[in-house]
Amino acid sequence: MEVAKEGQFYDSMEPKAQGNPSMKKLLLILNCILLSIGICGSPLIMRLYFIHGGKRVWLSSWLLTGGFPIILLPLAFVYFQRRATQGPGTELFFMKPPLFLAAVFIGIFSGLADYLYAYGVSRLPVSTSSLIIASQLAFTAGFAFLLVKQKFTSYSINAVFLLTVGAAVLALHTSNDRPEGESNKEYLVGFFMTLGASALSGFLLPLVELTYKKTRQEMTYSLVMEIQMVLSFFATLLCTAGMLINKDFQAIPREAKTFGLGETKYYVVMFWTAIISQAFFLGALGVIFCASSLLSGVIIAVLLPVTEILAVIFYKEKFQAEKGVALALSLWGFASFFYGEMKHSKKKKQPPMSQIPGP
């Protein structure tokens, strides 16, 4: 079915894979903002749950994707815009069975990554658990090279190197971050579960990009939102099974009554965890749609020091020298990546020598 071309807002929500470049840049900026909100806010608010008495790992992992019904709001808006221009016969959803099955597969593994990540956050301070965000870049770069044949320039290689070194620098002070009353074994399990989540997430981002490229459907941003909804639904389904086995649903009312910030704020924390996490997932998928999985990984990595600084502000964590060095390396790597992209874009716009008219 052809995508309607009438209506400025509808066009903005339906740029095709090779559509309007300026509209795609606007969408890229929007998704970068969503990704930034999610990557900075999600670990902070999730840690708030554990700091004040929350103990349910499956519940926390469920919240990472459980807010998916909010995606129905922009999808419904775009549908009614489409219906107004195309008539009542317009399709409700664009997703075909092969793409649906791919989203289901990715969603199930996303649910597993959510559990590994939530377990790590439950055991580690924000300053340590945030390592997952930066170390993920190395995995993303490797899998992007293998799955989607990502081409690396000297600038992008430099960026990956600097951002990875920044994560390693932060790891230097992790031994001093072990929470009181937690054994070495529990701390190490949390650390390696976090790294496992990092590796799995680093695999899933290029897999999403591969899905976009291999699908026989023309990719639009509405289709990206549909993928996000299906992906989150099946990730949530996996976590729901874990909650049922662990009897988390029965424990929620009891846990709310003993929550350190009060019963009402317990549910407020849960609500905003779900909403902010949806911003992360939709932003990540949107950046992959508008650019690449590597750019998504770079943005995630460069925001690690921002999360560190926010943890210092809100949770009074110490700002060691390593965090300052990591911040400088991340900004350097980010600047290197975008300078390389700008240089590459200028080179692409230049006509070949054979096409330059002579005197």
Protein backbone atom coordinates (compact mmCIF):
# COMPACT_ATOMS: atom_id res chain seq x y z
CA MET A 1 0.00 0.00 0.00
CA GLU A 2 1.42 3.39 -1.00
CA VAL A 3 2.11 5.81 1.79
CA ALA A 4 0.01 8.97 1.53
CA LYS A 5 1.83 12.13 0.58
CA GLU A 6 -0.78 14.61 1.78
CA GLY A 7 -0.55 16.37 5.10
CA GLN A 8 2.67 17.79 6.50
CA PHE A 9 2.45 15.98 9.83
CA TYR A 10 1.64 12.66 8.22
CA ASP A 11 4.62 13.04 5.89
CA SER A 12 6.84 13.72 8.89
CA MET A 13 5.76 10.47 10.49
CA GLU A 14 6.07 8.45 7.29
CA PRO A 15 9.50 9.16 5.76
CA LYS A 16 10.53 6.22 3.66
CA ALA A 17 13.92 4.61 3.94
CA GLN A 18 15.15 6.84 1.09
CA GLY A 19 12.78 9.76 1.80
CA ASN A 20 13.15 13.48 2.45
CA PRO A 21 16.68 14.04 3.89
CA SER A 22 15.67 17.12 5.91
CA MET A 23 12.72 15.30 7.46
CA LYS A 24 14.95 12.35 8.27
CA LYS A 25 17.41 14.68 10.02
CA LEU A 26 14.52 16.08 12.08
CA LEU A 27 13.47 12.56 13.04
CA LEU A 28 17.08 11.70 13.88
CA ILE A 29 17.27 14.67 16.27
CA LEU A 30 13.95 13.67 17.88
CA ASN A 31 15.10 10.09 18.39
CA CYS A 32 18.47 11.21 19.75
CA ILE A 33 16.56 13.23 22.37
CA LEU A 34 14.37 10.22 23.24
CA LEU A 35 17.45 7.99 23.47
CA SER A 36 19.21 10.53 25.70
CA ILE A 37 16.26 10.75 28.08
CA GLY A 38 16.01 6.97 28.28
CA ILE A 39 19.70 6.22 28.68
CA CYS A 40 20.21 8.82 31.41
CA GLY A 41 16.91 8.42 33.22
CA SER A 42 16.35 4.67 33.17
CA PRO A 43 19.29 3.52 35.35
CA LEU A 44 18.74 6.38 37.80
CA ILE A 45 15.06 5.73 38.43
CA MET A 46 15.53 1.96 38.46
CA ARG A 47 18.29 2.30 41.06
CA LEU A 48 15.91 4.48 43.11
CA TYR A 49 13.58 1.47 43.35
CA PHE A 50 16.34 -0.77 44.75
CA ILE A 51 17.84 1.86 47.07
CA HIS A 52 14.55 2.36 48.89
CA GLY A 53 13.70 -1.27 49.49
CA GLY A 54 12.69 -2.78 46.15
CA LYS A 55 13.97 -6.33 45.66
CA ARG A 56 12.09 -7.74 42.65
CA VAL A 57 14.43 -8.20 39.68
CA TRP A 58 11.81 -9.70 37.37
CA LEU A 59 9.46 -6.80 38.15
CA SER A 60 12.21 -4.30 37.29
CA SER A 61 12.97 -6.08 34.02
CA TRP A 62 9.22 -6.13 33.25
CA LEU A 63 9.06 -2.36 33.69
CA LEU A 64 11.77 -1.82 31.05
CA THR A 65 9.37 -2.83 28.28
CA GLY A 66 5.98 -2.93 30.09
CA GLY A 67 5.12 0.62 29.02
CA PHE A 68 4.69 -0.41 25.37
CA PRO A 69 0.94 0.49 25.22
CA ILE A 70 1.99 4.17 25.15
CA ILE A 71 3.24 3.54 21.58
CA LEU A 72 -0.41 3.06 20.60
CA LEU A 73 -1.00 6.81 21.04
CA PRO A 74 1.29 8.03 18.19
CA LEU A 75 0.30 4.99 16.09
CA ALA A 76 -3.40 5.84 16.51
CA PHE A 77 -2.76 9.49 15.66
CA VAL A 78 -0.89 8.59 12.48
CA TYR A 79 -3.60 6.06 11.55
CA PHE A 80 -6.35 8.67 11.75
CA GLN A 81 -4.22 11.09 9.72
CA ARG A 82 -3.78 8.36 7.13
CA ARG A 83 -7.48 7.50 7.22
CA ALA A 84 -8.40 11.16 6.65
CA THR A 85 -6.36 11.24 3.43
CA GLN A 86 -6.87 7.66 2.17
CA GLY A 87 -10.39 6.88 3.32
CA PRO A 88 -11.82 4.09 5.54
CA GLY A 89 -10.08 1.34 3.56
CA THR A 90 -6.64 2.25 4.90
CA GLU A 91 -4.64 -0.44 6.69
CA LEU A 92 -4.52 -0.36 10.49
CA PHE A 93 -0.99 -1.86 10.65
CA PHE A 94 1.70 -2.20 7.98
CA MET A 95 3.70 -5.06 9.50
CA LYS A 96 3.77 -8.30 7.47
CA PRO A 97 4.29 -11.81 8.98
CA PRO A 98 8.07 -12.13 8.25
CA LEU A 99 8.80 -8.79 9.92
CA PHE A 100 6.47 -9.70 12.79
CA LEU A 101 8.36 -12.95 13.42
CA ALA A 102 11.69 -11.09 13.37
CA ALA A 103 10.33 -8.62 15.94
CA VAL A 104 9.14 -11.52 18.11
CA PHE A 105 12.60 -13.11 18.03
CA ILE A 106 14.33 -9.84 18.91
CA GLY A 107 11.73 -9.16 21.61
CA ILE A 108 12.35 -12.45 23.42
CA PHE A 109 16.09 -11.81 23.56
CA SER A 110 15.42 -8.23 24.63
CA GLY A 111 13.47 -9.63 27.57
CA LEU A 112 16.49 -11.72 28.54
CA ALA A 113 18.76 -8.68 28.24
CA ASP A 114 16.33 -6.73 30.43
CA TYR A 115 16.59 -9.35 33.17
CA LEU A 116 20.40 -9.40 33.07
CA TYR A 117 20.49 -5.60 33.19
CA ALA A 118 17.95 -5.33 36.03
CA TYR A 119 19.92 -7.89 38.04
CA GLY A 120 23.07 -5.82 37.57
CA VAL A 121 21.35 -2.60 38.64
CA SER A 122 20.02 -4.34 41.75
CA ARG A 123 23.57 -5.25 42.85
CA LEU A 124 25.71 -2.37 41.59
CA PRO A 125 25.78 1.41 42.08
CA VAL A 126 24.72 3.54 39.12
CA SER A 127 28.35 4.55 38.53
CA THR A 128 29.28 0.88 38.05
CA SER A 129 26.15 -0.51 36.39
CA SER A 130 26.36 2.29 33.82
CA LEU A 131 29.43 0.48 32.44
CA ILE A 132 26.92 -1.59 30.50
CA ILE A 133 26.08 1.49 28.50
CA ALA A 134 29.63 2.20 27.33
CA SER A 135 31.02 -1.32 27.05
CA GLN A 136 28.07 -2.12 24.79
CA LEU A 137 29.66 0.03 22.07
CA ALA A 138 32.51 -2.43 21.51
CA PHE A 139 30.01 -5.28 21.06
CA THR A 140 27.80 -3.13 18.81
CA ALA A 141 30.75 -2.21 16.59
CA GLY A 142 31.87 -5.84 16.28
CA PHE A 143 28.41 -7.21 15.49
CA ALA A 144 27.67 -4.30 13.12
CA PHE A 145 30.78 -5.26 11.16
CA LEU A 146 29.71 -8.93 11.03
CA LEU A 147 25.95 -8.53 10.44
CA VAL A 148 25.50 -5.36 8.38
CA LYS A 149 29.03 -4.95 6.97
CA GLN A 150 29.42 -1.62 8.74
CA LYS A 151 32.18 0.41 7.11
CA PHE A 152 34.60 2.00 9.54
CA THR A 153 36.60 5.15 8.92
CA SER A 154 39.65 6.16 10.93
CA TYR A 155 37.37 8.59 12.80
CA SER A 156 34.77 5.98 13.76
CA ILE A 157 37.50 3.53 14.84
CA ASN A 158 39.03 6.29 16.95
CA ALA A 159 35.63 7.03 18.49
CA VAL A 160 34.98 3.39 19.39
CA PHE A 161 38.47 3.13 20.89
CA LEU A 162 38.15 6.31 22.99
CA LEU A 163 34.66 5.48 24.27
CA THR A 164 35.69 1.93 25.16
CA VAL A 165 38.78 3.22 26.99
CA GLY A 166 36.49 5.63 28.84
CA ALA A 167 34.45 2.68 30.10
CA ALA A 168 37.63 0.85 31.11
CA VAL A 169 38.82 3.90 33.07
CA LEU A 170 35.55 3.90 35.00
CA ALA A 171 36.08 0.22 35.80
CA LEU A 172 39.25 1.14 37.70
CA HIS A 173 37.29 2.35 40.73
CA THR A 174 34.57 -0.30 40.81
CA SER A 175 36.16 -2.21 43.72
CA ASN A 176 35.45 0.79 45.95
CA ASP A 177 31.79 0.94 44.93
CA ARG A 178 30.51 -2.28 46.50
CA PRO A 179 27.36 -1.49 48.52
CA GLU A 180 27.44 -2.15 52.25
CA GLY A 181 26.34 -5.61 53.30
CA GLU A 182 26.93 -7.13 49.87
CA SER A 183 29.35 -10.02 49.50
CA ASN A 184 32.12 -10.23 46.89
CA LYS A 185 30.26 -13.09 45.22
CA GLU A 186 27.02 -11.10 44.88
CA TYR A 187 28.94 -8.11 43.56
CA LEU A 188 30.82 -10.16 40.96
CA VAL A 189 27.64 -11.93 39.82
CA GLY A 190 26.00 -8.54 39.34
CA PHE A 191 29.02 -7.25 37.44
CA PHE A 192 29.15 -10.19 35.02
CA MET A 193 25.37 -10.21 34.54
CA THR A 194 25.69 -6.57 33.53
CA LEU A 195 28.43 -7.39 31.03
CA GLY A 196 26.25 -10.22 29.68
CA ALA A 197 23.44 -7.74 29.13
CA SER A 198 25.93 -5.44 27.43
CA ALA A 199 27.02 -8.14 24.98
CA LEU A 200 23.45 -9.19 24.22
CA SER A 201 22.30 -5.61 23.68
CA GLY A 202 25.34 -5.00 21.47
CA PHE A 203 24.17 -7.93 19.32
CA LEU A 204 20.52 -6.84 19.18
CA LEU A 205 21.13 -3.31 17.86
CA PRO A 206 22.86 -4.48 14.62
CA LEU A 207 20.27 -7.28 14.39
CA VAL A 208 17.54 -4.63 14.27
CA GLU A 209 19.46 -2.81 11.53
CA LEU A 210 19.82 -6.08 9.60
CA THR A 211 16.06 -6.63 9.95
CA TYR A 212 15.39 -3.17 8.50
CA LYS A 213 17.67 -3.90 5.53
CA LYS A 214 16.47 -7.43 4.79
CA THR A 215 12.73 -6.85 5.09
CA ARG A 216 10.85 -6.81 1.82
CA GLN A 217 8.65 -4.02 3.13
CA GLU A 218 9.46 -0.36 2.65
CA MET A 219 10.51 0.98 6.03
CA THR A 220 8.65 3.96 7.49
CA TYR A 221 8.75 5.45 10.96
CA SER A 222 5.26 4.10 11.65
CA LEU A 223 6.62 0.65 10.92
CA VAL A 224 9.49 1.33 13.35
CA MET A 225 6.91 2.09 16.07
CA GLU A 226 5.01 -1.11 15.22
CA ILE A 227 8.25 -3.10 15.57
CA GLN A 228 8.89 -1.41 18.91
CA MET A 229 5.42 -2.35 20.15
CA VAL A 230 5.72 -6.02 19.10
CA LEU A 231 9.28 -6.27 20.40
CA SER A 232 8.29 -4.81 23.78
CA PHE A 233 5.17 -6.97 24.04
CA PHE A 234 7.10 -10.23 23.72
CA ALA A 235 9.92 -9.01 25.96
CA THR A 236 7.26 -8.14 28.55
CA LEU A 237 5.64 -11.55 28.04
CA LEU A 238 8.92 -13.28 28.92
CA CYS A 239 9.32 -11.12 32.03
CA THR A 240 5.68 -11.75 32.99
CA ALA A 241 6.40 -15.49 33.01
CA GLY A 242 9.38 -14.82 35.29
CA MET A 243 7.20 -12.71 37.59
CA LEU A 244 4.57 -15.46 37.81
CA ILE A 245 7.17 -18.10 38.68
CA ASN A 246 8.78 -15.78 41.24
CA LYS A 247 5.36 -14.71 42.63
CA ASP A 248 6.18 -11.04 42.11
CA PHE A 249 2.55 -10.01 41.51
CA GLN A 250 1.54 -11.14 45.00
CA ALA A 251 4.55 -9.33 46.49
CA ILE A 252 3.88 -5.92 44.90
CA PRO A 253 1.28 -4.67 47.47
CA ARG A 254 3.47 -5.79 50.39
CA GLU A 255 6.57 -4.20 48.90
CA ALA A 256 4.71 -0.94 48.22
CA LYS A 257 3.72 -0.61 51.90
CA THR A 258 7.32 -0.94 53.09
CA PHE A 259 8.88 1.20 50.32
CA GLY A 260 11.22 3.84 51.73
CA LEU A 261 9.58 6.77 49.89
CA GLY A 262 6.02 5.71 50.65
CA GLU A 263 3.38 3.59 48.95
CA THR A 264 2.21 6.23 46.48
CA LYS A 265 5.74 7.05 45.30
CA TYR A 266 6.39 3.32 44.87
CA TYR A 267 3.84 3.24 42.07
CA VAL A 268 5.04 6.60 40.71
CA VAL A 269 8.58 5.17 40.41
CA MET A 270 7.22 2.11 38.61
CA PHE A 271 5.18 4.24 36.21
CA TRP A 272 8.05 6.53 35.22
CA THR A 273 10.47 3.61 34.91
CA ALA A 274 8.17 2.15 32.26
CA ILE A 275 7.71 5.45 30.40
CA ILE A 276 11.37 6.49 30.40
CA SER A 277 12.44 3.01 29.29
CA GLN A 278 10.10 3.23 26.29
CA ALA A 279 11.85 6.47 25.34
CA PHE A 280 15.13 4.55 25.32
CA PHE A 281 13.91 1.67 23.16
CA LEU A 282 12.01 3.83 20.67
CA GLY A 283 14.92 6.27 20.48
CA ALA A 284 17.40 3.43 19.83
CA LEU A 285 15.25 1.87 17.09
CA GLY A 286 14.60 5.31 15.59
CA VAL A 287 18.29 6.22 15.45
CA ILE A 288 19.01 2.89 13.73
CA PHE A 289 16.24 3.66 11.21
CA CYS A 290 17.53 7.19 10.51
CA ALA A 291 21.26 6.38 10.64
CA SER A 292 22.84 3.14 11.92
CA SER A 293 23.21 0.83 14.90
CA LEU A 294 26.77 2.14 15.33
CA LEU A 295 25.52 5.70 15.85
CA SER A 296 22.99 4.39 18.36
CA GLY A 297 25.83 2.68 20.23
CA VAL A 298 27.98 5.83 20.11
CA ILE A 299 25.19 7.98 21.60
CA ILE A 300 24.58 5.41 24.34
CA ALA A 301 28.30 5.35 25.18
CA VAL A 302 28.84 9.11 25.15
CA LEU A 303 25.98 9.63 27.61
CA LEU A 304 27.61 7.38 30.21
CA PRO A 305 29.49 10.26 31.89
CA VAL A 306 26.27 12.30 31.94
CA THR A 307 24.59 9.48 33.84
CA GLU A 308 27.60 9.38 36.15
CA ILE A 309 27.29 13.10 36.89
CA LEU A 310 23.55 12.77 37.53
CA ALA A 311 24.28 9.89 39.93
CA VAL A 312 26.70 12.18 41.78
CA ILE A 313 24.04 14.90 42.00
CA PHE A 314 21.04 12.78 42.99
CA TYR A 315 22.60 9.88 44.90
CA LYS A 316 25.66 11.66 46.32
CA GLU A 317 28.04 9.19 44.72
CA LYS A 318 31.69 10.22 44.72
CA PHE A 319 33.09 11.93 41.63
CA GLN A 320 36.51 10.35 41.36
CA ALA A 321 39.17 11.52 38.94
CA GLU A 322 38.41 8.48 36.75
CA LYS A 323 34.95 9.89 36.02
CA GLY A 324 36.44 13.17 34.84
CA VAL A 325 38.86 11.34 32.55
CA ALA A 326 36.01 9.18 31.20
CA LEU A 327 33.95 12.32 30.51
CA ALA A 328 36.82 13.89 28.52
CA LEU A 329 37.44 10.68 26.54
CA SER A 330 33.73 10.31 25.75
CA LEU A 331 33.40 13.87 24.48
CA TRP A 332 36.56 13.42 22.41
CA GLY A 333 35.25 10.17 20.92
CA PHE A 334 31.85 11.74 20.20
CA ALA A 335 33.48 14.72 18.45
CA SER A 336 35.71 12.37 16.43
CA PHE A 337 32.74 10.31 15.23
CA PHE A 338 30.67 13.27 14.10
CA TYR A 339 33.62 15.06 12.48
CA GLY A 340 34.23 11.90 10.45
CA GLU A 341 30.53 11.68 9.50
CA MET A 342 30.47 15.33 8.39
CA LYS A 343 33.61 14.84 6.32
CA HIS A 344 32.16 11.69 4.73
CA SER A 345 28.88 13.50 3.90
CA LYS A 346 30.74 16.37 2.21
CA LYS A 347 32.77 13.90 0.16
CA LYS A 348 29.57 12.11 -0.97
CA LYS A 349 28.05 15.42 -2.13
CA GLN A 350 31.05 16.26 -4.32
CA PRO A 351 30.48 15.19 -7.97
CA PRO A 352 32.99 12.76 -9.51
CA MET A 353 35.81 14.38 -11.50
CA SER A 354 34.37 13.01 -14.76
CA GLN A 355 31.12 14.92 -14.13
CA ILE A 356 32.78 18.30 -13.47
CA PRO A 357 32.31 20.42 -16.61
CA GLY A 358 35.43 21.68 -18.27
CA PRO A 359 36.23 25.30 -19.09
